Amino acid sequence: MYLVARGCGDPVLFLHGIPTSCALWNGVIGILSGQFQCIAVDLPGLGRSANTPHGFRDLDALAASIEDIRIEHRIEKWHIVGHDGGCAIAVHYAHRFRHRVGRLALLSPSMFPELKPFYLFEVLRKPAIGELMAPLISLLFWNVAMRLALTGSRDRSDMVKRFRAPFRGLRGSWRLMSLLRWGHPAEVLASVPDLLPGISAPTLVFHGSKDPAVPEAFARRACELMPNSELILLDSGHFLPVNEPVAVAEALGHFLGSDEAEGVVAAAGVFQNQSLR
């Protein structure tokens, strides 16, 4: 997988969701790279990484690929931060390689089997209809839906361009369609609820109160199931790292930089005057 690394200090791995890329974290990493070694990857088929046969269907295989990166870069232990579908990968990794994870942060956690794919994506996931509608759906998603979702970002056009890069060209819309057919949430994400109670790493869960894609109940459920977790609600939509990079980076900086005894309380203190649960 293609990756970027900036800064020095304790290593932090950033995992994006679908269909974004490591560019999702640019604003957050720009702030945190003075405090941490920030590593962000492009997941298979996204950004500059080639697709793989299993794609996003096999979360354990993706977790193993993440572990290969840790070994290759001789990292003893790191923190893991995930957004959207990247949260499910982060949870699988933290469960399987628990001794390699210091702390965990989950943003807009699209990781429960009841997940309902974005309505435009749902059209692309249907056989025959998806093939027929792919060009139109792709056009609507990138030029309308994604731009609206990133409203408030200073470099919205550049960000959309980066996310869309793997899906340009004559066959780009069908590549997007193929990627989005990663499987049924009820099957691919079935194991996540059972894994969460066993996650011992201190965990911070972020959710946007205006998120149209992931219900707030998912974030609250994650906190209820994870024994050492805290929820931060931000006045934002789905793409928290882009729309609220300063707030996210500030909370992550305190949370990831605090000692073991402080747990998630350090980050909670930063948001004591905001909507914190």
Protein backbone atom coordinates (compact mmCIF):
# COMPACT_ATOMS: atom_id res chain seq x y z
CA MET A 1 0.00 0.00 0.00
CA TYR A 2 1.14 3.52 -0.81
CA LEU A 3 1.88 5.52 2.32
CA VAL A 4 3.08 8.94 3.42
CA ALA A 5 4.99 9.63 6.63
CA ARG A 6 5.60 13.00 8.28
CA GLY A 7 6.98 14.18 11.58
CA CYS A 8 8.71 12.44 14.46
CA GLY A 9 7.68 11.09 17.83
CA ASP A 10 5.36 8.23 18.75
CA PRO A 11 4.04 6.62 15.53
CA VAL A 12 0.38 7.02 14.60
CA LEU A 13 -1.26 5.15 11.69
CA PHE A 14 -4.17 6.85 9.92
CA LEU A 15 -6.72 4.75 8.01
CA HIS A 16 -9.28 6.35 5.68
CA GLY A 17 -12.60 4.94 4.47
CA ILE A 18 -14.37 4.43 1.13
CA PRO A 19 -13.93 6.04 -1.38
CA THR A 20 -11.35 8.51 -0.04
CA SER A 21 -7.55 8.28 0.36
CA CYS A 22 -4.75 9.21 2.73
CA ALA A 23 -5.27 12.83 1.60
CA LEU A 24 -8.27 12.82 3.96
CA TRP A 25 -5.81 13.29 6.83
CA ASN A 26 -3.72 16.14 5.37
CA GLY A 27 -5.08 18.83 7.66
CA VAL A 28 -4.89 16.69 10.81
CA ILE A 29 -1.38 15.43 10.02
CA GLY A 30 -0.20 18.95 9.24
CA ILE A 31 -1.00 19.86 12.84
CA LEU A 32 0.10 16.64 14.57
CA SER A 33 3.36 16.03 12.68
CA GLY A 34 5.19 18.32 15.10
CA GLN A 35 4.28 15.93 17.92
CA PHE A 36 4.01 12.48 16.32
CA GLN A 37 5.34 10.39 13.46
CA CYS A 38 2.20 10.39 11.31
CA ILE A 39 1.78 7.54 8.81
CA ALA A 40 -1.20 7.48 6.42
CA VAL A 41 -1.88 4.75 3.87
CA ASP A 42 -3.96 4.49 0.72
CA LEU A 43 -6.09 1.39 1.16
CA PRO A 44 -6.41 -1.11 -1.76
CA GLY A 45 -7.98 0.34 -4.89
CA LEU A 46 -7.95 3.89 -3.50
CA GLY A 47 -5.53 6.78 -3.85
CA ARG A 48 -2.29 5.44 -5.28
CA SER A 49 -2.68 1.84 -4.13
CA ALA A 50 -3.56 -0.93 -6.55
CA ASN A 51 -6.64 -3.03 -5.93
CA THR A 52 -6.37 -6.51 -4.44
CA PRO A 53 -8.49 -9.63 -5.09
CA HIS A 54 -10.17 -9.50 -1.68
CA GLY A 55 -10.59 -5.71 -1.63
CA PHE A 56 -12.55 -4.73 1.48
CA ARG A 57 -14.30 -8.09 1.82
CA ASP A 58 -11.66 -9.61 4.11
CA LEU A 59 -10.99 -7.33 7.07
CA ASP A 60 -8.56 -9.80 8.63
CA ALA A 61 -6.47 -9.78 5.44
CA LEU A 62 -6.40 -5.97 5.54
CA ALA A 63 -5.35 -6.08 9.20
CA ALA A 64 -2.53 -8.46 8.25
CA SER A 65 -1.41 -6.05 5.52
CA ILE A 66 -1.29 -3.27 8.11
CA GLU A 67 0.86 -5.48 10.33
CA ASP A 68 3.24 -6.04 7.40
CA ILE A 69 3.71 -2.26 7.22
CA ARG A 70 4.53 -2.12 10.93
CA ILE A 71 7.11 -4.88 10.59
CA GLU A 72 8.64 -3.37 7.45
CA HIS A 73 9.12 -0.02 9.17
CA ARG A 74 10.38 -1.60 12.40
CA ILE A 75 7.73 -0.01 14.57
CA GLU A 76 7.37 -1.64 17.96
CA LYS A 77 4.00 -0.14 18.86
CA TRP A 78 1.75 2.53 17.37
CA HIS A 79 -1.55 4.30 17.78
CA ILE A 80 -4.30 3.64 15.21
CA VAL A 81 -6.79 6.24 13.95
CA GLY A 82 -9.58 5.26 11.55
CA HIS A 83 -12.37 7.06 9.71
CA ASP A 84 -15.54 5.57 8.21
CA GLY A 85 -14.78 2.04 6.94
CA GLY A 86 -11.22 2.43 8.19
CA CYS A 87 -12.67 2.02 11.70
CA ALA A 88 -13.64 -1.60 10.99
CA ILE A 89 -10.09 -2.32 9.81
CA ALA A 90 -8.69 -0.57 12.89
CA VAL A 91 -10.86 -2.69 15.19
CA HIS A 92 -9.81 -5.93 13.50
CA TYR A 93 -6.18 -4.90 13.75
CA ALA A 94 -6.51 -3.88 17.43
CA HIS A 95 -8.16 -7.22 18.20
CA ARG A 96 -5.68 -9.39 16.33
CA PHE A 97 -2.51 -7.44 17.17
CA ARG A 98 -3.52 -5.93 20.49
CA HIS A 99 0.02 -5.79 21.86
CA ARG A 100 1.04 -3.52 18.97
CA VAL A 101 -1.63 -0.88 19.63
CA GLY A 102 -1.19 1.90 22.16
CA ARG A 103 -4.40 3.87 21.68
CA LEU A 104 -7.28 3.81 19.26
CA ALA A 105 -9.40 6.59 17.74
CA LEU A 106 -12.51 5.94 15.63
CA LEU A 107 -14.12 8.72 13.59
CA SER A 108 -17.60 8.32 12.04
CA PRO A 109 -17.50 4.55 12.74
CA SER A 110 -19.12 2.79 9.77
CA MET A 111 -18.54 -0.62 11.27
CA PHE A 112 -21.76 -2.30 12.35
CA PRO A 113 -23.65 -4.94 10.30
CA GLU A 114 -26.76 -2.73 10.19
CA LEU A 115 -24.88 -0.21 8.05
CA LYS A 116 -26.88 1.13 5.11
CA PRO A 117 -24.63 2.14 2.20
CA PHE A 118 -24.99 5.69 0.86
CA TYR A 119 -28.03 5.73 -1.42
CA LEU A 120 -26.02 6.52 -4.56
CA PHE A 121 -23.64 3.67 -3.70
CA GLU A 122 -26.58 1.34 -3.19
CA VAL A 123 -27.59 1.86 -6.82
CA LEU A 124 -24.07 0.96 -8.00
CA ARG A 125 -24.10 -2.19 -5.88
CA LYS A 126 -27.08 -3.64 -7.77
CA PRO A 127 -26.19 -6.02 -10.65
CA ALA A 128 -27.09 -4.79 -14.14
CA ILE A 129 -28.59 -1.54 -12.81
CA GLY A 130 -25.19 -0.55 -11.42
CA GLU A 131 -23.45 -1.19 -14.74
CA LEU A 132 -26.02 0.87 -16.57
CA MET A 133 -26.13 3.78 -14.14
CA ALA A 134 -22.42 3.89 -13.20
CA PRO A 135 -21.44 6.91 -15.37
CA LEU A 136 -24.35 9.05 -14.14
CA ILE A 137 -23.99 8.02 -10.48
CA SER A 138 -20.25 8.69 -10.57
CA LEU A 139 -20.85 12.15 -12.00
CA LEU A 140 -23.47 12.98 -9.36
CA PHE A 141 -21.39 11.63 -6.51
CA TRP A 142 -18.13 13.45 -7.25
CA ASN A 143 -19.55 16.72 -8.58
CA VAL A 144 -22.51 17.14 -6.24
CA ALA A 145 -22.64 14.83 -3.21
CA MET A 146 -18.93 14.88 -2.33
CA ARG A 147 -18.57 18.62 -2.86
CA LEU A 148 -21.56 19.27 -0.59
CA ALA A 149 -20.15 16.90 2.04
CA LEU A 150 -16.84 18.77 2.04
CA THR A 151 -18.42 22.22 2.34
CA GLY A 152 -16.27 24.34 4.62
CA SER A 153 -12.99 22.77 3.54
CA ARG A 154 -10.49 25.35 2.28
CA ASP A 155 -9.23 23.04 -0.46
CA ARG A 156 -12.49 21.28 -1.32
CA SER A 157 -11.85 21.10 -5.09
CA ASP A 158 -8.34 19.75 -4.63
CA MET A 159 -9.56 17.17 -2.10
CA VAL A 160 -12.30 15.90 -4.43
CA LYS A 161 -9.73 15.70 -7.24
CA ARG A 162 -7.42 13.58 -5.07
CA PHE A 163 -10.19 11.22 -3.98
CA ARG A 164 -11.46 10.84 -7.54
CA ALA A 165 -8.05 10.18 -9.12
CA PRO A 166 -8.33 6.33 -9.29
CA PHE A 167 -11.75 6.61 -10.93
CA ARG A 168 -11.01 8.93 -13.84
CA GLY A 169 -10.97 7.87 -17.47
CA LEU A 170 -13.39 5.93 -19.65
CA ARG A 171 -13.68 3.01 -17.24
CA GLY A 172 -13.38 5.00 -14.02
CA SER A 173 -17.06 4.88 -13.09
CA TRP A 174 -17.08 1.08 -13.41
CA ARG A 175 -13.93 0.84 -11.28
CA LEU A 176 -15.79 2.78 -8.59
CA MET A 177 -18.77 0.45 -8.98
CA SER A 178 -16.53 -2.61 -8.62
CA LEU A 179 -14.86 -1.23 -5.50
CA LEU A 180 -18.20 -0.45 -3.85
CA ARG A 181 -19.36 -4.03 -4.31
CA TRP A 182 -17.25 -5.08 -1.35
CA GLY A 183 -19.92 -7.31 0.11
CA HIS A 184 -23.02 -7.14 2.28
CA PRO A 185 -22.50 -5.23 5.55
CA ALA A 186 -24.42 -7.90 7.47
CA GLU A 187 -21.75 -10.42 6.48
CA VAL A 188 -18.52 -8.40 6.22
CA LEU A 189 -19.13 -6.48 9.46
CA ALA A 190 -20.85 -9.30 11.37
CA SER A 191 -17.92 -9.93 13.71
CA VAL A 192 -17.30 -6.31 14.76
CA PRO A 193 -19.79 -6.12 17.69
CA ASP A 194 -18.25 -9.24 19.24
CA LEU A 195 -14.72 -7.84 18.92
CA LEU A 196 -15.36 -4.49 20.61
CA PRO A 197 -15.68 -5.70 24.25
CA GLY A 198 -12.25 -7.28 23.92
CA ILE A 199 -10.52 -4.06 22.81
CA SER A 200 -8.49 -3.05 25.86
CA ALA A 201 -6.74 -0.04 24.28
CA PRO A 202 -8.01 3.38 25.45
CA THR A 203 -10.32 4.55 22.67
CA LEU A 204 -11.70 7.91 21.60
CA VAL A 205 -14.77 7.88 19.34
CA PHE A 206 -15.67 10.97 17.28
CA HIS A 207 -18.98 11.59 15.58
CA GLY A 208 -20.50 14.49 13.67
CA SER A 209 -23.96 15.54 14.83
CA LYS A 210 -24.87 16.33 11.20
CA ASP A 211 -23.53 13.09 9.71
CA PRO A 212 -26.06 11.85 7.10
CA ALA A 213 -24.20 8.61 6.41
CA VAL A 214 -23.50 7.08 9.83
CA PRO A 215 -26.11 7.22 12.61
CA GLU A 216 -25.05 8.63 15.96
CA ALA A 217 -26.30 5.37 17.47
CA PHE A 218 -23.28 3.62 15.91
CA ALA A 219 -20.85 5.86 17.81
CA ARG A 220 -22.75 5.48 21.07
CA ARG A 221 -22.99 1.74 20.62
CA ALA A 222 -19.24 1.51 20.05
CA CYS A 223 -18.61 3.34 23.31
CA GLU A 224 -21.05 1.16 25.20
CA LEU A 225 -19.31 -1.99 23.98
CA MET A 226 -15.71 -0.84 24.42
CA PRO A 227 -14.62 -0.89 28.07
CA ASN A 228 -12.23 2.08 28.00
CA SER A 229 -13.76 4.56 25.59
CA GLU A 230 -15.18 8.07 25.36
CA LEU A 231 -17.37 9.81 22.77
CA ILE A 232 -16.83 13.30 21.38
CA LEU A 233 -19.66 14.84 19.36
CA LEU A 234 -18.71 17.62 16.96
CA ASP A 235 -21.01 20.01 15.11
CA SER A 236 -20.04 18.61 11.73
CA GLY A 237 -20.94 16.21 8.95
CA HIS A 238 -19.36 12.92 7.98
CA PHE A 239 -15.85 14.00 6.92
CA LEU A 240 -14.57 15.15 10.31
CA PRO A 241 -10.84 15.14 9.39
CA VAL A 242 -11.54 17.55 6.51
CA ASN A 243 -14.30 19.71 7.98
CA GLU A 244 -12.92 19.91 11.54
CA PRO A 245 -9.15 19.27 11.28
CA VAL A 246 -8.20 21.60 14.12
CA ALA A 247 -10.73 20.20 16.59
CA VAL A 248 -9.86 16.61 15.67
CA ALA A 249 -6.11 17.22 15.83
CA GLU A 250 -6.41 19.04 19.15
CA ALA A 251 -8.33 16.18 20.76
CA LEU A 252 -6.06 13.53 19.23
CA GLY A 253 -2.94 15.39 20.35
CA HIS A 254 -4.05 15.39 23.98
CA PHE A 255 -5.42 11.85 23.85
CA LEU A 256 -2.50 10.15 22.09
CA GLY A 257 0.07 12.17 24.00
CA SER A 258 -1.31 11.48 27.47
CA ASP A 259 0.14 8.80 29.74
CA GLU A 260 -1.54 5.46 30.42
CA ALA A 261 -2.92 6.55 33.78
CA GLU A 262 -4.94 9.38 32.26
CA GLY A 263 -6.86 7.11 29.88
CA VAL A 264 -9.35 8.99 27.74
CA VAL A 265 -9.84 11.73 30.36
CA ALA A 266 -7.08 13.92 28.89
CA ALA A 267 -8.93 14.37 25.61
CA ALA A 268 -12.22 14.83 27.43
CA GLY A 269 -10.81 17.86 29.22
CA VAL A 270 -10.17 19.63 25.93
CA PHE A 271 -13.85 19.42 25.02
CA GLN A 272 -15.37 20.02 28.42
CA ASN A 273 -17.37 22.96 27.05
CA GLN A 274 -18.55 21.10 23.95
CA SER A 275 -20.85 18.15 23.41
CA LEU A 276 -18.96 15.34 25.10
CA ARG A 277 -20.43 12.05 26.26
